Amino acid sequence: MLYFLRGECKIDIEIFEPTSNIRLHSPEPERTEELIKYDAIKLIMKNNSADELTKADEYTPRTIGYSGEENILNLCFNQQLSPGNYSLSISYETNIINIKA
């Protein structure tokens, strides 16, 4: 029997101007703390020469917020993110036994 659902989403992002936050459209999470493991959200700058991922340019959000009014997930980073190509990786896990139908 299946009790847990685990997955990972990878999103390619191009940043055009320096910024310290990323805002994404997202449906309202019912139990964000249980569904998304915050330490499992990583932003990695790609190597411009071959679009390869490097550990040296890996960022973890300082805070994660959600605006139900706008349906926006807001990721705030301690560092200023330079213009360039990035890969945003979000891992999630939920107990599907407790999901309401």
PDB file of N, CA and C in Angstrom:
ATOM      1  N   MET A   1       0.845  -1.176   0.000  1.00  0.00           N
ATOM      2  CA  MET A   1       0.000   0.000   0.000  1.00  0.00           C
ATOM      3  C   MET A   1       0.894   1.244   0.000  1.00  0.00           C
ATOM      4  N   LEU A   2       0.497   2.263  -0.725  1.00  0.00           N
ATOM      5  CA  LEU A   2       1.251   3.509  -0.853  1.00  0.00           C
ATOM      6  C   LEU A   2       0.818   4.484   0.241  1.00  0.00           C
ATOM      7  N   TYR A   3       1.775   4.938   1.065  1.00  0.00           N
ATOM      8  CA  TYR A   3       1.467   5.860   2.155  1.00  0.00           C
ATOM      9  C   TYR A   3       2.020   7.263   1.932  1.00  0.00           C
ATOM     10  N   PHE A   4       3.166   7.359   1.244  1.00  0.00           N
ATOM     11  CA  PHE A   4       3.813   8.653   1.040  1.00  0.00           C
ATOM     12  C   PHE A   4       3.971   8.944  -0.442  1.00  0.00           C
ATOM     13  N   LEU A   5       3.890  10.206  -0.780  1.00  0.00           N
ATOM     14  CA  LEU A   5       4.138  10.669  -2.136  1.00  0.00           C
ATOM     15  C   LEU A   5       5.355  11.583  -2.077  1.00  0.00           C
ATOM     16  N   ARG A   6       6.387  11.226  -2.828  1.00  0.00           N
ATOM     17  CA  ARG A   6       7.605  12.028  -2.879  1.00  0.00           C
ATOM     18  C   ARG A   6       7.847  12.454  -4.314  1.00  0.00           C
ATOM     19  N   GLY A   7       8.378  13.642  -4.469  1.00  0.00           N
ATOM     20  CA  GLY A   7       8.682  14.108  -5.810  1.00  0.00           C
ATOM     21  C   GLY A   7       9.657  15.266  -5.795  1.00  0.00           C
ATOM     22  N   GLU A   8      10.086  15.627  -6.984  1.00  0.00           N
ATOM     23  CA  GLU A   8      10.990  16.759  -7.138  1.00  0.00           C
ATOM     24  C   GLU A   8      10.625  17.491  -8.419  1.00  0.00           C
ATOM     25  N   CYS A   9      10.639  18.799  -8.339  1.00  0.00           N
ATOM     26  CA  CYS A   9      10.343  19.652  -9.488  1.00  0.00           C
ATOM     27  C   CYS A   9      11.585  20.486  -9.768  1.00  0.00           C
ATOM     28  N   LYS A  10      12.019  20.511 -11.018  1.00  0.00           N
ATOM     29  CA  LYS A  10      13.157  21.349 -11.409  1.00  0.00           C
ATOM     30  C   LYS A  10      12.676  22.364 -12.436  1.00  0.00           C
ATOM     31  N   ILE A  11      12.998  23.625 -12.176  1.00  0.00           N
ATOM     32  CA  ILE A  11      12.555  24.722 -13.026  1.00  0.00           C
ATOM     33  C   ILE A  11      13.781  25.499 -13.489  1.00  0.00           C
ATOM     34  N   ASP A  12      13.923  25.680 -14.799  1.00  0.00           N
ATOM     35  CA  ASP A  12      15.000  26.511 -15.335  1.00  0.00           C
ATOM     36  C   ASP A  12      14.553  27.966 -15.287  1.00  0.00           C
ATOM     37  N   ILE A  13      15.422  28.824 -14.730  1.00  0.00           N
ATOM     38  CA  ILE A  13      15.102  30.239 -14.551  1.00  0.00           C
ATOM     39  C   ILE A  13      16.235  31.080 -15.130  1.00  0.00           C
ATOM     40  N   GLU A  14      15.877  32.153 -15.814  1.00  0.00           N
ATOM     41  CA  GLU A  14      16.879  33.126 -16.248  1.00  0.00           C
ATOM     42  C   GLU A  14      16.608  34.431 -15.509  1.00  0.00           C
ATOM     43  N   ILE A  15      17.612  34.910 -14.773  1.00  0.00           N
ATOM     44  CA  ILE A  15      17.507  36.163 -14.031  1.00  0.00           C
ATOM     45  C   ILE A  15      18.168  37.251 -14.871  1.00  0.00           C
ATOM     46  N   PHE A  16      17.438  38.344 -15.112  1.00  0.00           N
ATOM     47  CA  PHE A  16      17.936  39.420 -15.969  1.00  0.00           C
ATOM     48  C   PHE A  16      18.570  40.565 -15.189  1.00  0.00           C
ATOM     49  N   GLU A  17      18.128  40.781 -13.931  1.00  0.00           N
ATOM     50  CA  GLU A  17      18.655  41.855 -13.093  1.00  0.00           C
ATOM     51  C   GLU A  17      18.959  41.290 -11.714  1.00  0.00           C
ATOM     52  N   PRO A  18      19.947  41.852 -10.993  1.00  0.00           N
ATOM     53  CA  PRO A  18      20.243  41.363  -9.644  1.00  0.00           C
ATOM     54  C   PRO A  18      18.991  41.407  -8.765  1.00  0.00           C
ATOM     55  N   THR A  19      18.795  40.360  -7.973  1.00  0.00           N
ATOM     56  CA  THR A  19      17.623  40.268  -7.097  1.00  0.00           C
ATOM     57  C   THR A  19      17.962  39.365  -5.917  1.00  0.00           C
ATOM     58  N   SER A  20      17.175  39.457  -4.853  1.00  0.00           N
ATOM     59  CA  SER A  20      17.360  38.552  -3.716  1.00  0.00           C
ATOM     60  C   SER A  20      16.103  37.729  -3.452  1.00  0.00           C
ATOM     61  N   ASN A  21      15.098  37.842  -4.342  1.00  0.00           N
ATOM     62  CA  ASN A  21      13.927  36.977  -4.168  1.00  0.00           C
ATOM     63  C   ASN A  21      13.366  36.518  -5.509  1.00  0.00           C
ATOM     64  N   ILE A  22      12.656  35.397  -5.449  1.00  0.00           N
ATOM     65  CA  ILE A  22      12.000  34.814  -6.621  1.00  0.00           C
ATOM     66  C   ILE A  22      10.548  34.577  -6.241  1.00  0.00           C
ATOM     67  N   ARG A  23       9.634  35.020  -7.091  1.00  0.00           N
ATOM     68  CA  ARG A  23       8.198  34.851  -6.844  1.00  0.00           C
ATOM     69  C   ARG A  23       7.617  33.959  -7.930  1.00  0.00           C
ATOM     70  N   LEU A  24       6.883  32.922  -7.503  1.00  0.00           N
ATOM     71  CA  LEU A  24       6.304  31.951  -8.428  1.00  0.00           C
ATOM     72  C   LEU A  24       4.803  31.841  -8.204  1.00  0.00           C
ATOM     73  N   HIS A  25       4.026  31.736  -9.276  1.00  0.00           N
ATOM     74  CA  HIS A  25       2.599  31.427  -9.134  1.00  0.00           C
ATOM     75  C   HIS A  25       2.476  30.011  -8.598  1.00  0.00           C
ATOM     76  N   SER A  26       1.578  29.823  -7.628  1.00  0.00           N
ATOM     77  CA  SER A  26       1.441  28.521  -6.982  1.00  0.00           C
ATOM     78  C   SER A  26       0.034  28.392  -6.410  1.00  0.00           C
ATOM     79  N   PRO A  27      -0.570  27.205  -6.517  1.00  0.00           N
ATOM     80  CA  PRO A  27      -1.850  27.002  -5.830  1.00  0.00           C
ATOM     81  C   PRO A  27      -1.609  27.053  -4.327  1.00  0.00           C
ATOM     82  N   GLU A  28      -2.647  27.394  -3.585  1.00  0.00           N
ATOM     83  CA  GLU A  28      -2.501  27.526  -2.136  1.00  0.00           C
ATOM     84  C   GLU A  28      -2.176  26.180  -1.493  1.00  0.00           C
ATOM     85  N   PRO A  29      -1.041  26.096  -0.803  1.00  0.00           N
ATOM     86  CA  PRO A  29      -0.711  24.841  -0.119  1.00  0.00           C
ATOM     87  C   PRO A  29      -1.560  24.702   1.142  1.00  0.00           C
ATOM     88  N   GLU A  30      -2.081  23.507   1.386  1.00  0.00           N
ATOM     89  CA  GLU A  30      -2.896  23.287   2.587  1.00  0.00           C
ATOM     90  C   GLU A  30      -2.025  23.178   3.827  1.00  0.00           C
ATOM     91  N   ARG A  31      -0.927  22.448   3.716  1.00  0.00           N
ATOM     92  CA  ARG A  31      -0.027  22.228   4.848  1.00  0.00           C
ATOM     93  C   ARG A  31       1.406  22.377   4.339  1.00  0.00           C
ATOM     94  N   THR A  32       1.820  23.605   4.081  1.00  0.00           N
ATOM     95  CA  THR A  32       3.127  23.838   3.469  1.00  0.00           C
ATOM     96  C   THR A  32       4.251  23.184   4.266  1.00  0.00           C
ATOM     97  N   GLU A  33       4.236  23.307   5.597  1.00  0.00           N
ATOM     98  CA  GLU A  33       5.324  22.767   6.407  1.00  0.00           C
ATOM     99  C   GLU A  33       5.439  21.253   6.255  1.00  0.00           C
ATOM    100  N   GLU A  34       4.305  20.576   6.086  1.00  0.00           N
ATOM    101  CA  GLU A  34       4.327  19.125   5.949  1.00  0.00           C
ATOM    102  C   GLU A  34       4.605  18.695   4.515  1.00  0.00           C
ATOM    103  N   LEU A  35       4.228  19.509   3.552  1.00  0.00           N
ATOM    104  CA  LEU A  35       4.336  19.119   2.152  1.00  0.00           C
ATOM    105  C   LEU A  35       5.712  19.404   1.572  1.00  0.00           C
ATOM    106  N   ILE A  36       6.234  20.599   1.813  1.00  0.00           N
ATOM    107  CA  ILE A  36       7.520  20.977   1.237  1.00  0.00           C
ATOM    108  C   ILE A  36       8.552  21.061   2.354  1.00  0.00           C
ATOM    109  N   LYS A  37       9.649  20.362   2.185  1.00  0.00           N
ATOM    110  CA  LYS A  37      10.744  20.457   3.140  1.00  0.00           C
ATOM    111  C   LYS A  37      11.597  21.648   2.722  1.00  0.00           C
ATOM    112  N   TYR A  38      11.601  22.687   3.553  1.00  0.00           N
ATOM    113  CA  TYR A  38      12.263  23.933   3.174  1.00  0.00           C
ATOM    114  C   TYR A  38      13.744  23.759   2.877  1.00  0.00           C
ATOM    115  N   ASP A  39      14.416  22.862   3.582  1.00  0.00           N
ATOM    116  CA  ASP A  39      15.841  22.665   3.316  1.00  0.00           C
ATOM    117  C   ASP A  39      16.055  21.914   2.008  1.00  0.00           C
ATOM    118  N   ALA A  40      14.983  21.472   1.371  1.00  0.00           N
ATOM    119  CA  ALA A  40      15.087  20.748   0.102  1.00  0.00           C
ATOM    120  C   ALA A  40      14.786  21.661  -1.091  1.00  0.00           C
ATOM    121  N   ILE A  41      14.782  22.979  -0.864  1.00  0.00           N
ATOM    122  CA  ILE A  41      14.635  23.929  -1.966  1.00  0.00           C
ATOM    123  C   ILE A  41      16.012  24.513  -2.237  1.00  0.00           C
ATOM    124  N   LYS A  42      16.489  24.319  -3.439  1.00  0.00           N
ATOM    125  CA  LYS A  42      17.830  24.782  -3.816  1.00  0.00           C
ATOM    126  C   LYS A  42      17.756  25.538  -5.134  1.00  0.00           C
ATOM    127  N   LEU A  43      18.549  26.594  -5.227  1.00  0.00           N
ATOM    128  CA  LEU A  43      18.719  27.333  -6.469  1.00  0.00           C
ATOM    129  C   LEU A  43      20.191  27.216  -6.832  1.00  0.00           C
ATOM    130  N   ILE A  44      20.475  26.713  -8.016  1.00  0.00           N
ATOM    131  CA  ILE A  44      21.855  26.484  -8.434  1.00  0.00           C
ATOM    132  C   ILE A  44      22.118  27.248  -9.723  1.00  0.00           C
ATOM    133  N   MET A  45      23.179  28.072  -9.699  1.00  0.00           N
ATOM    134  CA  MET A  45      23.553  28.812 -10.907  1.00  0.00           C
ATOM    135  C   MET A  45      24.226  27.856 -11.868  1.00  0.00           C
ATOM    136  N   LYS A  46      23.821  27.925 -13.131  1.00  0.00           N
ATOM    137  CA  LYS A  46      24.414  27.057 -14.152  1.00  0.00           C
ATOM    138  C   LYS A  46      25.692  27.689 -14.696  1.00  0.00           C
ATOM    139  N   ASN A  47      26.638  26.846 -15.041  1.00  0.00           N
ATOM    140  CA  ASN A  47      27.875  27.285 -15.673  1.00  0.00           C
ATOM    141  C   ASN A  47      27.527  27.769 -17.073  1.00  0.00           C
ATOM    142  N   ASN A  48      27.818  29.019 -17.366  1.00  0.00           N
ATOM    143  CA  ASN A  48      27.431  29.599 -18.661  1.00  0.00           C
ATOM    144  C   ASN A  48      28.037  28.888 -19.857  1.00  0.00           C
ATOM    145  N   SER A  49      29.210  28.262 -19.689  1.00  0.00           N
ATOM    146  CA  SER A  49      29.863  27.648 -20.845  1.00  0.00           C
ATOM    147  C   SER A  49      29.124  26.410 -21.337  1.00  0.00           C
ATOM    148  N   ALA A  50      28.595  25.595 -20.428  1.00  0.00           N
ATOM    149  CA  ALA A  50      27.945  24.356 -20.865  1.00  0.00           C
ATOM    150  C   ALA A  50      26.636  24.091 -20.135  1.00  0.00           C
ATOM    151  N   ASP A  51      26.113  25.111 -19.420  1.00  0.00           N
ATOM    152  CA  ASP A  51      24.888  24.950 -18.626  1.00  0.00           C
ATOM    153  C   ASP A  51      24.998  23.804 -17.634  1.00  0.00           C
ATOM    154  N   GLU A  52      26.192  23.580 -17.104  1.00  0.00           N
ATOM    155  CA  GLU A  52      26.390  22.538 -16.098  1.00  0.00           C
ATOM    156  C   GLU A  52      26.160  23.144 -14.718  1.00  0.00           C
ATOM    157  N   LEU A  53      25.626  22.331 -13.808  1.00  0.00           N
ATOM    158  CA  LEU A  53      25.378  22.801 -12.456  1.00  0.00           C
ATOM    159  C   LEU A  53      26.658  22.705 -11.642  1.00  0.00           C
ATOM    160  N   THR A  54      26.906  23.732 -10.802  1.00  0.00           N
ATOM    161  CA  THR A  54      28.082  23.725  -9.942  1.00  0.00           C
ATOM    162  C   THR A  54      27.643  23.904  -8.499  1.00  0.00           C
ATOM    163  N   LYS A  55      28.286  23.192  -7.565  1.00  0.00           N
ATOM    164  CA  LYS A  55      27.955  23.304  -6.143  1.00  0.00           C
ATOM    165  C   LYS A  55      28.363  24.664  -5.580  1.00  0.00           C
ATOM    166  N   ALA A  56      29.353  25.317  -6.184  1.00  0.00           N
ATOM    167  CA  ALA A  56      29.852  26.593  -5.673  1.00  0.00           C
ATOM    168  C   ALA A  56      28.782  27.674  -5.702  1.00  0.00           C
ATOM    169  N   ASP A  57      27.860  27.582  -6.613  1.00  0.00           N
ATOM    170  CA  ASP A  57      26.820  28.600  -6.768  1.00  0.00           C
ATOM    171  C   ASP A  57      25.455  28.054  -6.373  1.00  0.00           C
ATOM    172  N   GLU A  58      25.361  27.425  -5.188  1.00  0.00           N
ATOM    173  CA  GLU A  58      24.107  26.850  -4.702  1.00  0.00           C
ATOM    174  C   GLU A  58      23.550  27.739  -3.595  1.00  0.00           C
ATOM    175  N   TYR A  59      22.262  28.054  -3.678  1.00  0.00           N
ATOM    176  CA  TYR A  59      21.610  28.944  -2.725  1.00  0.00           C
ATOM    177  C   TYR A  59      20.379  28.263  -2.132  1.00  0.00           C
ATOM    178  N   THR A  60      20.132  28.521  -0.837  1.00  0.00           N
ATOM    179  CA  THR A  60      18.940  28.025  -0.149  1.00  0.00           C
ATOM    180  C   THR A  60      18.161  29.249   0.339  1.00  0.00           C
ATOM    181  N   PRO A  61      16.845  29.279   0.175  1.00  0.00           N
ATOM    182  CA  PRO A  61      16.076  30.449   0.621  1.00  0.00           C
ATOM    183  C   PRO A  61      16.199  30.669   2.128  1.00  0.00           C
ATOM    184  N   ARG A  62      16.308  31.937   2.516  1.00  0.00           N
ATOM    185  CA  ARG A  62      16.328  32.322   3.929  1.00  0.00           C
ATOM    186  C   ARG A  62      14.922  32.202   4.502  1.00  0.00           C
ATOM    187  N   THR A  63      13.940  32.694   3.743  1.00  0.00           N
ATOM    188  CA  THR A  63      12.536  32.587   4.147  1.00  0.00           C
ATOM    189  C   THR A  63      11.690  32.199   2.941  1.00  0.00           C
ATOM    190  N   ILE A  64      10.565  31.568   3.239  1.00  0.00           N
ATOM    191  CA  ILE A  64       9.603  31.176   2.210  1.00  0.00           C
ATOM    192  C   ILE A  64       8.238  31.662   2.677  1.00  0.00           C
ATOM    193  N   GLY A  65       7.575  32.435   1.837  1.00  0.00           N
ATOM    194  CA  GLY A  65       6.258  32.943   2.191  1.00  0.00           C
ATOM    195  C   GLY A  65       5.250  32.634   1.104  1.00  0.00           C
ATOM    196  N   TYR A  66       3.978  32.767   1.466  1.00  0.00           N
ATOM    197  CA  TYR A  66       2.917  32.524   0.490  1.00  0.00           C
ATOM    198  C   TYR A  66       1.856  33.602   0.632  1.00  0.00           C
ATOM    199  N   SER A  67       1.466  34.207  -0.478  1.00  0.00           N
ATOM    200  CA  SER A  67       0.384  35.182  -0.507  1.00  0.00           C
ATOM    201  C   SER A  67      -0.846  34.513  -1.111  1.00  0.00           C
ATOM    202  N   GLY A  68      -1.835  34.217  -0.264  1.00  0.00           N
ATOM    203  CA  GLY A  68      -3.071  33.604  -0.739  1.00  0.00           C
ATOM    204  C   GLY A  68      -3.875  34.543  -1.617  1.00  0.00           C
ATOM    205  N   GLU A  69      -3.724  35.843  -1.379  1.00  0.00           N
ATOM    206  CA  GLU A  69      -4.447  36.838  -2.164  1.00  0.00           C
ATOM    207  C   GLU A  69      -3.972  36.849  -3.616  1.00  0.00           C
ATOM    208  N   GLU A  70      -2.653  36.680  -3.803  1.00  0.00           N
ATOM    209  CA  GLU A  70      -2.073  36.701  -5.146  1.00  0.00           C
ATOM    210  C   GLU A  70      -1.755  35.308  -5.689  1.00  0.00           C
ATOM    211  N   ASN A  71      -1.834  34.272  -4.823  1.00  0.00           N
ATOM    212  CA  ASN A  71      -1.408  32.910  -5.180  1.00  0.00           C
ATOM    213  C   ASN A  71       0.054  32.893  -5.622  1.00  0.00           C
ATOM    214  N   ILE A  72       0.909  33.497  -4.792  1.00  0.00           N
ATOM    215  CA  ILE A  72       2.332  33.629  -5.093  1.00  0.00           C
ATOM    216  C   ILE A  72       3.162  33.010  -3.971  1.00  0.00           C
ATOM    217  N   LEU A  73       4.115  32.164  -4.350  1.00  0.00           N
ATOM    218  CA  LEU A  73       5.111  31.617  -3.430  1.00  0.00           C
ATOM    219  C   LEU A  73       6.337  32.514  -3.538  1.00  0.00           C
ATOM    220  N   ASN A  74       6.801  33.053  -2.400  1.00  0.00           N
ATOM    221  CA  ASN A  74       7.906  34.005  -2.396  1.00  0.00           C
ATOM    222  C   ASN A  74       9.126  33.382  -1.724  1.00  0.00           C
ATOM    223  N   LEU A  75      10.213  33.234  -2.477  1.00  0.00           N
ATOM    224  CA  LEU A  75      11.469  32.689  -1.965  1.00  0.00           C
ATOM    225  C   LEU A  75      12.442  33.846  -1.786  1.00  0.00           C
ATOM    226  N   CYS A  76      12.896  34.092  -0.539  1.00  0.00           N
ATOM    227  CA  CYS A  76      13.829  35.186  -0.250  1.00  0.00           C
ATOM    228  C   CYS A  76      15.187  34.600   0.123  1.00  0.00           C
ATOM    229  N   PHE A  77      16.234  35.117  -0.499  1.00  0.00           N
ATOM    230  CA  PHE A  77      17.590  34.621  -0.295  1.00  0.00           C
ATOM    231  C   PHE A  77      18.431  35.659   0.448  1.00  0.00           C
ATOM    232  N   ASN A  78      19.435  35.204   1.225  1.00  0.00           N
ATOM    233  CA  ASN A  78      20.365  36.107   1.910  1.00  0.00           C
ATOM    234  C   ASN A  78      21.269  36.816   0.911  1.00  0.00           C
ATOM    235  N   GLN A  79      21.618  36.124  -0.147  1.00  0.00           N
ATOM    236  CA  GLN A  79      22.559  36.641  -1.132  1.00  0.00           C
ATOM    237  C   GLN A  79      21.823  37.354  -2.267  1.00  0.00           C
ATOM    238  N   GLN A  80      22.528  38.300  -2.862  1.00  0.00           N
ATOM    239  CA  GLN A  80      22.046  38.933  -4.088  1.00  0.00           C
ATOM    240  C   GLN A  80      22.333  37.960  -5.230  1.00  0.00           C
ATOM    241  N   LEU A  81      21.331  37.614  -6.008  1.00  0.00           N
ATOM    242  CA  LEU A  81      21.492  36.694  -7.130  1.00  0.00           C
ATOM    243  C   LEU A  81      21.861  37.492  -8.375  1.00  0.00           C
ATOM    244  N   SER A  82      22.967  37.123  -8.985  1.00  0.00           N
ATOM    245  CA  SER A  82      23.449  37.811 -10.188  1.00  0.00           C
ATOM    246  C   SER A  82      22.650  37.367 -11.402  1.00  0.00           C
ATOM    247  N   PRO A  83      22.605  38.199 -12.434  1.00  0.00           N
ATOM    248  CA  PRO A  83      21.962  37.774 -13.680  1.00  0.00           C
ATOM    249  C   PRO A  83      22.622  36.510 -14.218  1.00  0.00           C
ATOM    250  N   GLY A  84      21.808  35.627 -14.795  1.00  0.00           N
ATOM    251  CA  GLY A  84      22.324  34.383 -15.350  1.00  0.00           C
ATOM    252  C   GLY A  84      21.264  33.302 -15.364  1.00  0.00           C
ATOM    253  N   ASN A  85      21.681  32.096 -15.712  1.00  0.00           N
ATOM    254  CA  ASN A  85      20.779  30.939 -15.783  1.00  0.00           C
ATOM    255  C   ASN A  85      20.901  30.109 -14.516  1.00  0.00           C
ATOM    256  N   TYR A  86      19.747  29.707 -13.977  1.00  0.00           N
ATOM    257  CA  TYR A  86      19.689  28.958 -12.730  1.00  0.00           C
ATOM    258  C   TYR A  86      18.756  27.763 -12.896  1.00  0.00           C
ATOM    259  N   SER A  87      18.911  26.806 -11.992  1.00  0.00           N
ATOM    260  CA  SER A  87      17.990  25.683 -11.890  1.00  0.00           C
ATOM    261  C   SER A  87      17.423  25.690 -10.471  1.00  0.00           C
ATOM    262  N   LEU A  88      16.092  25.805 -10.353  1.00  0.00           N
ATOM    263  CA  LEU A  88      15.415  25.791  -9.057  1.00  0.00           C
ATOM    264  C   LEU A  88      14.875  24.390  -8.830  1.00  0.00           C
ATOM    265  N   SER A  89      15.280  23.777  -7.725  1.00  0.00           N
ATOM    266  CA  SER A  89      14.872  22.413  -7.402  1.00  0.00           C
ATOM    267  C   SER A  89      14.045  22.435  -6.120  1.00  0.00           C
ATOM    268  N   ILE A  90      12.825  21.890  -6.184  1.00  0.00           N
ATOM    269  CA  ILE A  90      11.937  21.826  -5.021  1.00  0.00           C
ATOM    270  C   ILE A  90      11.568  20.369  -4.789  1.00  0.00           C
ATOM    271  N   SER A  91      11.963  19.842  -3.625  1.00  0.00           N
ATOM    272  CA  SER A  91      11.592  18.474  -3.250  1.00  0.00           C
ATOM    273  C   SER A  91      10.398  18.537  -2.307  1.00  0.00           C
ATOM    274  N   TYR A  92       9.512  17.574  -2.424  1.00  0.00           N
ATOM    275  CA  TYR A  92       8.343  17.559  -1.555  1.00  0.00           C
ATOM    276  C   TYR A  92       8.011  16.129  -1.155  1.00  0.00           C
ATOM    277  N   GLU A  93       7.284  16.032  -0.048  1.00  0.00           N
ATOM    278  CA  GLU A  93       6.853  14.736   0.473  1.00  0.00           C
ATOM    279  C   GLU A  93       5.571  14.967   1.258  1.00  0.00           C
ATOM    280  N   THR A  94       4.607  14.078   1.093  1.00  0.00           N
ATOM    281  CA  THR A  94       3.370  14.185   1.852  1.00  0.00           C
ATOM    282  C   THR A  94       2.834  12.796   2.177  1.00  0.00           C
ATOM    283  N   ASN A  95       2.120  12.711   3.267  1.00  0.00           N
ATOM    284  CA  ASN A  95       1.457  11.482   3.674  1.00  0.00           C
ATOM    285  C   ASN A  95       0.097  11.468   2.981  1.00  0.00           C
ATOM    286  N   ILE A  96      -0.088  10.597   1.989  1.00  0.00           N
ATOM    287  CA  ILE A  96      -1.326  10.624   1.201  1.00  0.00           C
ATOM    288  C   ILE A  96      -2.518  10.028   1.945  1.00  0.00           C
ATOM    289  N   ILE A  97      -2.276   9.362   3.047  1.00  0.00           N
ATOM    290  CA  ILE A  97      -3.384   8.823   3.853  1.00  0.00           C
ATOM    291  C   ILE A  97      -4.220   9.971   4.419  1.00  0.00           C
ATOM    292  N   ASN A  98      -3.557  11.096   4.759  1.00  0.00           N
ATOM    293  CA  ASN A  98      -4.244  12.218   5.402  1.00  0.00           C
ATOM    294  C   ASN A  98      -4.792  13.252   4.431  1.00  0.00           C
ATOM    295  N   ILE A  99      -4.635  13.051   3.137  1.00  0.00           N
ATOM    296  CA  ILE A  99      -5.130  14.015   2.154  1.00  0.00           C
ATOM    297  C   ILE A  99      -6.648  13.900   2.045  1.00  0.00           C
ATOM    298  N   LYS A 100      -7.313  15.063   2.108  1.00  0.00           N
ATOM    299  CA  LYS A 100      -8.778  15.084   1.988  1.00  0.00           C
ATOM    300  C   LYS A 100      -9.168  14.909   0.533  1.00  0.00           C
ATOM    301  N   ALA A 101     -10.215  14.142   0.285  1.00  0.00           N
ATOM    302  CA  ALA A 101     -10.677  13.908  -1.096  1.00  0.00           C
ATOM    303  C   ALA A 101     -11.491  15.063  -1.595  1.00  0.00           C
TER     304      ALA A 101
END
